[in-house]
Amino acid sequence: MDNLSKKIPEIQTAEDCEKIPWEDSVVWAETGAGGQKLWRWIDKKHVQYITWTNGNVSVTPDNISMLSSVLRSVVIQGAVVFVGKNVNVG
């Protein structure tokens, strides 16, 4: 995921969860190469809507997002995925 988030700037990363705009993002956590927890998120301005099935969250990118030019959906498989209250749900 580290290489992917460098190529796709819509996927933000932080080690400090205080930097995350929780109400306006889809957020998940993963363990980095050094064992530290990394928080990843996509801001709502890049999300048309999200859906979920069997614990997998599918993010459909908004038409203005660079993601929509290369992807139809981003599927997040995480133990815990947080969906901010201002993110559209389909």
Protein backbone atom coordinates (compact mmCIF):
# COMPACT_ATOMS: atom_id res chain seq x y z
CA MET A 1 0.00 0.00 0.00
CA ASP A 2 2.92 2.38 0.59
CA ASN A 3 3.81 2.47 -3.12
CA LEU A 4 0.17 2.82 -4.12
CA SER A 5 -0.47 5.77 -1.82
CA LYS A 6 2.57 7.54 -3.30
CA LYS A 7 1.13 7.17 -6.81
CA ILE A 8 -2.44 8.01 -5.80
CA PRO A 9 -2.41 11.20 -3.71
CA GLU A 10 -6.08 10.78 -2.75
CA ILE A 11 -5.01 8.08 -0.28
CA GLN A 12 -3.60 9.97 2.70
CA THR A 13 -1.36 8.43 5.38
CA ALA A 14 -0.46 9.42 8.94
CA GLU A 15 0.98 7.77 12.02
CA ASP A 16 -0.90 10.17 14.28
CA CYS A 17 -4.67 9.66 14.24
CA GLU A 18 -5.18 13.24 15.44
CA LYS A 19 -4.36 14.45 11.90
CA ILE A 20 -7.30 12.62 10.33
CA PRO A 21 -10.49 14.51 9.36
CA TRP A 22 -12.69 11.74 10.84
CA GLU A 23 -16.12 13.18 9.97
CA ASP A 24 -15.21 13.67 6.31
CA SER A 25 -13.25 10.51 5.48
CA VAL A 26 -13.18 6.76 5.00
CA VAL A 27 -10.42 5.60 7.38
CA TRP A 28 -8.65 2.30 7.96
CA ALA A 29 -5.51 1.19 9.78
CA GLU A 30 -2.70 -1.13 8.81
CA THR A 31 0.67 -2.09 10.19
CA GLY A 32 3.67 -0.47 8.52
CA ALA A 33 7.00 -2.11 7.68
CA GLY A 34 8.48 -1.17 11.06
CA GLY A 35 5.49 -2.51 12.99
CA GLN A 36 3.96 0.92 13.65
CA LYS A 37 0.28 1.58 13.02
CA LEU A 38 -0.41 3.60 9.89
CA TRP A 39 -3.73 5.32 9.36
CA ARG A 40 -4.94 5.61 5.76
CA TRP A 41 -7.90 7.63 4.55
CA ILE A 42 -9.71 8.97 1.51
CA ASP A 43 -11.39 12.34 1.93
CA LYS A 44 -15.10 12.62 1.09
CA LYS A 45 -14.42 15.05 -1.76
CA HIS A 46 -12.93 12.07 -3.66
CA VAL A 47 -15.79 9.70 -2.76
CA GLN A 48 -19.04 9.50 -4.69
CA TYR A 49 -20.38 6.91 -2.22
CA ILE A 50 -19.38 3.78 -0.34
CA THR A 51 -21.03 0.39 0.07
CA TRP A 52 -20.08 -2.67 2.08
CA THR A 53 -20.58 -6.41 1.88
CA ASN A 54 -19.18 -9.12 4.15
CA GLY A 55 -16.80 -6.70 5.85
CA ASN A 56 -15.36 -5.30 2.61
CA VAL A 57 -15.88 -1.60 2.00
CA SER A 58 -16.13 -0.49 -1.64
CA VAL A 59 -15.36 3.15 -2.35
CA THR A 60 -16.73 4.49 -5.64
CA PRO A 61 -14.65 7.53 -6.58
CA ASP A 62 -16.26 10.85 -7.41
CA ASN A 63 -16.08 12.01 -11.02
CA ILE A 64 -13.75 14.92 -10.11
CA SER A 65 -11.25 12.61 -8.45
CA MET A 66 -8.16 11.33 -10.25
CA LEU A 67 -9.19 7.90 -8.95
CA SER A 68 -12.20 7.88 -11.29
CA SER A 69 -9.94 8.16 -14.34
CA VAL A 70 -8.24 4.85 -13.53
CA LEU A 71 -10.55 2.94 -11.17
CA ARG A 72 -14.22 2.10 -10.81
CA SER A 73 -13.88 1.16 -7.17
CA VAL A 74 -11.42 0.79 -4.32
CA VAL A 75 -12.11 -2.20 -2.07
CA ILE A 76 -10.80 -1.87 1.47
CA GLN A 77 -10.34 -5.04 3.49
CA GLY A 78 -9.55 -4.04 7.02
CA ALA A 79 -10.26 -5.31 10.49
CA VAL A 80 -11.88 -1.94 11.17
CA VAL A 81 -12.96 0.68 8.64
CA PHE A 82 -14.38 3.98 9.85
CA VAL A 83 -16.86 5.91 7.70
CA GLY A 84 -17.27 9.56 8.63
CA LYS A 85 -20.77 10.92 9.14
CA ASN A 86 -20.41 13.29 6.15
CA VAL A 87 -19.45 10.55 3.65
CA ASN A 88 -22.20 9.42 1.23
CA VAL A 89 -23.37 5.84 1.71
CA GLY A 90 -25.04 3.93 -1.15
